[in-house]
Amino acid sequence: MEIVINNVPTEFNLGCRMLKTKGGDCPFDELQDFWEDIQPLNFKEIAQIPNLEQRRVALLFLGLDRMIEEVKPTLVSTETIKKQTTWINEQGELVEHKFDDTYELYKVAGEYFGKTQNHWQRIDDAYYVRCKDTSTDREYLIWVDLNSVWNVKCENNKNLNRWNFNPNEVDAIDCIAWTIQTNIAQGGIEKIVRQGDCIMIKPKARYETLGRERHLTKWEYLTLLVAES
């Protein structure tokens, strides 16, 4: 038996626990008799759900604040960029807006994602960037692959060796830049505009495309992102 939650089919028992994690009153009369006996999911249990879509919905129901409270993440890096952009106010007028855009990189110990069968193995720590939407002030949490971020950083810094992975050399701006991908080669981007989750990249008159997508560098993020809303 399955329950469909947010258009995602879910095994009945797991679905009941996901709904309880969301909180609030019992959503279906059929669950009323045992609603109070259902235990909500915690982050460790959610992290071990094999189905990606079910895991996404469960994390949505758990919420950012409860997740952070459970995993007790360690702050690794805080970076603030002073920005100025043009907005349209409620009167339909163009106004210049100055603000501080802060990004925070956090580490979550691998133990929160479960245990391996062999005692000599360990699950790698996980990392995420916490940031705010520039127009709504809504907070976002974006998981990042720190090893991949390190590789991008090494490709653009001859003083670093990708085989000597050092998480302390990676900061929050490296990570937020990594979340944006393009097939335009370095040097071929004229400017970047961000509108919410939509990233618009304008290439130069002459530019080279790659046969694959690449991650943006910290330098590109800091210098080419000219407007956002």
Protein backbone atom coordinates (compact mmCIF):
# COMPACT_ATOMS: atom_id res chain seq x y z
CA MET A 1 0.00 0.00 0.00
CA GLU A 2 1.28 3.45 -0.91
CA ILE A 3 0.57 7.08 -0.09
CA VAL A 4 1.21 9.75 -2.71
CA ILE A 5 2.81 12.78 -1.05
CA ASN A 6 3.69 15.86 -3.13
CA ASN A 7 3.22 13.67 -6.24
CA VAL A 8 5.75 11.14 -4.91
CA PRO A 9 4.48 7.56 -4.29
CA THR A 10 5.69 6.37 -0.88
CA GLU A 11 5.39 3.11 1.05
CA PHE A 12 2.55 3.42 3.57
CA ASN A 13 4.50 3.30 6.85
CA LEU A 14 7.21 5.65 5.59
CA GLY A 15 4.57 7.97 4.16
CA CYS A 16 2.77 8.16 7.50
CA ARG A 17 6.00 9.10 9.25
CA MET A 18 6.77 11.72 6.60
CA LEU A 19 3.34 13.30 7.12
CA LYS A 20 3.87 13.29 10.89
CA THR A 21 7.24 14.99 10.36
CA LYS A 22 5.45 17.82 8.58
CA GLY A 23 3.44 18.50 11.73
CA GLY A 24 -0.08 19.80 12.11
CA ASP A 25 -3.36 17.93 12.30
CA CYS A 26 -3.99 14.52 10.80
CA PRO A 27 -4.36 15.07 7.03
CA PHE A 28 -6.57 12.03 6.31
CA ASP A 29 -9.50 10.55 8.24
CA GLU A 30 -8.11 7.07 7.54
CA LEU A 31 -5.07 7.83 9.72
CA GLN A 32 -6.97 9.43 12.59
CA ASP A 33 -7.19 6.30 14.79
CA PHE A 34 -3.40 5.87 15.03
CA TRP A 35 -2.14 9.37 14.17
CA GLU A 36 -0.87 10.07 17.69
CA ASP A 37 1.15 6.82 17.68
CA ILE A 38 3.10 7.68 14.53
CA GLN A 39 6.70 8.76 15.16
CA PRO A 40 8.12 11.58 13.01
CA LEU A 41 11.37 11.06 11.11
CA ASN A 42 14.66 12.55 12.23
CA PHE A 43 17.43 13.73 9.93
CA LYS A 44 19.53 10.58 10.27
CA GLU A 45 16.59 8.44 9.18
CA ILE A 46 15.76 10.77 6.30
CA ALA A 47 19.37 10.75 5.08
CA GLN A 48 19.18 6.96 4.71
CA ILE A 49 16.00 6.90 2.59
CA PRO A 50 17.27 5.41 -0.70
CA ASN A 51 14.72 7.13 -2.96
CA LEU A 52 15.91 10.64 -3.82
CA GLU A 53 12.43 12.14 -4.33
CA GLN A 54 11.11 10.68 -1.08
CA ARG A 55 14.18 11.98 0.71
CA ARG A 56 13.65 15.44 -0.80
CA VAL A 57 10.04 15.60 0.42
CA ALA A 58 10.98 14.33 3.88
CA LEU A 59 13.70 17.00 4.19
CA LEU A 60 11.20 19.63 3.08
CA PHE A 61 8.82 18.53 5.84
CA LEU A 62 11.60 18.41 8.46
CA GLY A 63 12.54 21.99 7.69
CA LEU A 64 15.82 23.85 7.84
CA ASP A 65 15.68 24.86 11.49
CA ARG A 66 14.93 21.37 12.83
CA MET A 67 17.57 19.81 10.60
CA ILE A 68 20.24 22.19 11.85
CA GLU A 69 19.19 21.59 15.44
CA GLU A 70 19.58 17.82 14.99
CA VAL A 71 22.88 17.61 13.09
CA LYS A 72 24.67 20.39 15.00
CA PRO A 73 26.78 21.48 12.00
CA THR A 74 30.20 23.09 12.35
CA LEU A 75 30.71 26.50 10.77
CA VAL A 76 33.71 26.26 8.43
CA SER A 77 33.71 29.58 6.59
CA THR A 78 31.79 32.85 6.52
CA GLU A 79 32.20 35.25 3.60
CA THR A 80 30.35 38.53 3.03
CA ILE A 81 30.19 40.37 -0.28
CA LYS A 82 29.11 44.00 -0.41
CA LYS A 83 26.76 44.35 -3.37
CA GLN A 84 24.83 47.02 -5.22
CA THR A 85 22.08 46.23 -7.69
CA THR A 86 19.03 47.82 -9.33
CA TRP A 87 15.56 46.81 -8.16
CA ILE A 88 12.03 47.82 -9.08
CA ASN A 89 10.15 48.97 -5.99
CA GLU A 90 6.43 48.65 -5.26
CA GLN A 91 5.79 51.92 -7.08
CA GLY A 92 7.41 50.53 -10.24
CA GLU A 93 10.44 52.77 -9.90
CA LEU A 94 14.05 51.75 -10.47
CA VAL A 95 16.07 52.10 -7.28
CA GLU A 96 19.66 51.33 -6.34
CA HIS A 97 19.90 48.79 -3.55
CA LYS A 98 23.02 48.20 -1.46
CA PHE A 99 23.29 45.15 0.76
CA ASP A 100 25.65 42.68 2.40
CA ASP A 101 25.39 39.18 0.91
CA THR A 102 26.65 36.62 3.41
CA TYR A 103 27.45 32.97 2.66
CA GLU A 104 28.19 30.38 5.34
CA LEU A 105 29.81 27.00 4.74
CA TYR A 106 28.95 24.27 7.26
CA LYS A 107 30.20 20.72 7.85
CA VAL A 108 27.96 17.86 8.95
CA ALA A 109 29.76 14.87 10.47
CA GLY A 110 29.41 11.71 8.38
CA GLU A 111 28.02 9.79 11.36
CA TYR A 112 24.66 11.53 10.89
CA PHE A 113 24.25 9.79 7.53
CA GLY A 114 24.44 6.29 9.00
CA LYS A 115 27.03 3.61 9.58
CA THR A 116 29.03 1.38 7.26
CA GLN A 117 29.16 -2.39 7.68
CA ASN A 118 32.91 -2.34 8.29
CA HIS A 119 34.23 -0.61 11.39
CA TRP A 120 37.35 0.58 9.52
CA GLN A 121 35.26 2.49 6.99
CA ARG A 122 33.64 5.84 7.65
CA ILE A 123 31.12 7.93 5.79
CA ASP A 124 32.60 11.19 4.58
CA ASP A 125 31.56 14.45 6.18
CA ALA A 126 29.04 16.48 4.19
CA TYR A 127 29.03 20.21 3.52
CA TYR A 128 26.39 22.79 2.71
CA VAL A 129 26.20 26.52 2.02
CA ARG A 130 23.64 28.63 3.82
CA CYS A 131 22.56 31.85 2.10
CA LYS A 132 19.62 34.19 1.65
CA ASP A 133 17.49 35.14 -1.33
CA THR A 134 18.44 38.71 -2.15
CA SER A 135 14.86 39.92 -2.61
CA THR A 136 12.75 37.86 -0.18
CA ASP A 137 15.31 37.29 2.61
CA ARG A 138 14.34 33.60 2.55
CA GLU A 139 17.14 31.28 3.66
CA TYR A 140 18.43 28.45 1.49
CA LEU A 141 20.63 25.45 2.18
CA ILE A 142 22.61 24.02 -0.75
CA TRP A 143 24.63 20.82 -0.40
CA VAL A 144 28.02 20.89 -2.10
CA ASP A 145 30.64 18.28 -3.01
CA LEU A 146 33.72 19.71 -1.32
CA ASN A 147 36.10 17.40 -3.19
CA SER A 148 34.73 18.71 -6.49
CA VAL A 149 34.97 22.30 -5.24
CA TRP A 150 38.60 21.59 -4.28
CA ASN A 151 39.36 20.24 -7.77
CA VAL A 152 37.96 23.41 -9.38
CA LYS A 153 40.05 25.52 -7.03
CA CYS A 154 43.20 23.54 -7.84
CA GLU A 155 42.63 23.86 -11.59
CA ASN A 156 42.83 27.63 -11.18
CA ASN A 157 45.62 27.83 -8.60
CA LYS A 158 48.99 26.34 -9.49
CA ASN A 159 50.08 26.51 -5.86
CA LEU A 160 47.51 23.87 -4.88
CA ASN A 161 47.73 20.12 -5.46
CA ARG A 162 44.43 18.31 -5.96
CA TRP A 163 45.89 15.17 -4.40
CA ASN A 164 46.54 17.03 -1.14
CA PHE A 165 42.91 17.76 -0.33
CA ASN A 166 42.67 20.46 2.32
CA PRO A 167 39.10 21.47 3.27
CA ASN A 168 40.46 24.45 5.18
CA GLU A 169 41.53 25.98 1.84
CA VAL A 170 37.92 26.01 0.57
CA ASP A 171 35.64 28.88 1.54
CA ALA A 172 31.95 29.68 1.20
CA ILE A 173 32.38 31.71 -2.01
CA ASP A 174 34.28 28.85 -3.70
CA CYS A 175 31.28 26.68 -2.88
CA ILE A 176 28.47 29.00 -3.97
CA ALA A 177 30.32 29.63 -7.25
CA TRP A 178 30.61 25.84 -7.73
CA THR A 179 26.80 25.52 -7.70
CA ILE A 180 26.60 27.37 -11.05
CA GLN A 181 27.57 25.45 -14.18
CA THR A 182 28.09 26.47 -17.80
CA ASN A 183 29.61 25.09 -21.00
CA ILE A 184 31.24 28.43 -21.82
CA ALA A 185 35.02 28.26 -21.42
CA GLN A 186 36.78 30.52 -18.95
CA GLY A 187 37.33 33.98 -20.39
CA GLY A 188 34.24 33.78 -22.58
CA ILE A 189 31.64 35.17 -20.14
CA GLU A 190 30.71 38.85 -20.36
CA LYS A 191 28.35 38.97 -17.38
CA ILE A 192 26.07 36.92 -15.15
CA VAL A 193 22.58 37.93 -13.96
CA ARG A 194 20.70 36.07 -11.26
CA GLN A 195 16.94 36.23 -10.76
CA GLY A 196 15.97 33.95 -7.91
CA ASP A 197 16.96 30.42 -8.92
CA CYS A 198 17.40 31.44 -12.57
CA ILE A 199 20.98 32.10 -13.70
CA MET A 200 21.47 33.96 -16.99
CA ILE A 201 24.96 33.97 -18.49
CA LYS A 202 25.79 36.32 -21.36
CA PRO A 203 28.84 35.29 -23.41
CA LYS A 204 31.23 37.68 -25.07
CA ALA A 205 30.98 38.34 -28.81
CA ARG A 206 33.61 35.68 -29.32
CA TYR A 207 33.70 32.74 -27.00
CA GLU A 208 34.53 29.05 -26.90
CA THR A 209 32.18 26.32 -25.76
CA LEU A 210 33.25 23.10 -24.10
CA GLY A 211 32.03 19.60 -24.74
CA ARG A 212 30.97 19.41 -21.11
CA GLU A 213 29.69 21.66 -18.35
CA ARG A 214 32.09 23.19 -15.84
CA HIS A 215 31.66 24.90 -12.49
CA LEU A 216 32.18 28.63 -12.08
CA THR A 217 35.26 29.81 -10.23
CA LYS A 218 35.30 32.12 -7.23
CA TRP A 219 36.83 34.87 -9.37
CA GLU A 220 34.03 34.63 -11.94
CA TYR A 221 31.36 34.76 -9.24
CA LEU A 222 32.89 37.82 -7.61
CA THR A 223 33.59 39.78 -10.78
CA LEU A 224 31.02 38.76 -13.41
CA LEU A 225 27.80 38.62 -11.35
CA VAL A 226 26.54 42.15 -12.08
CA ALA A 227 22.86 42.07 -11.09
CA GLU A 228 20.46 39.94 -9.05
CA SER A 229 16.95 40.10 -7.71
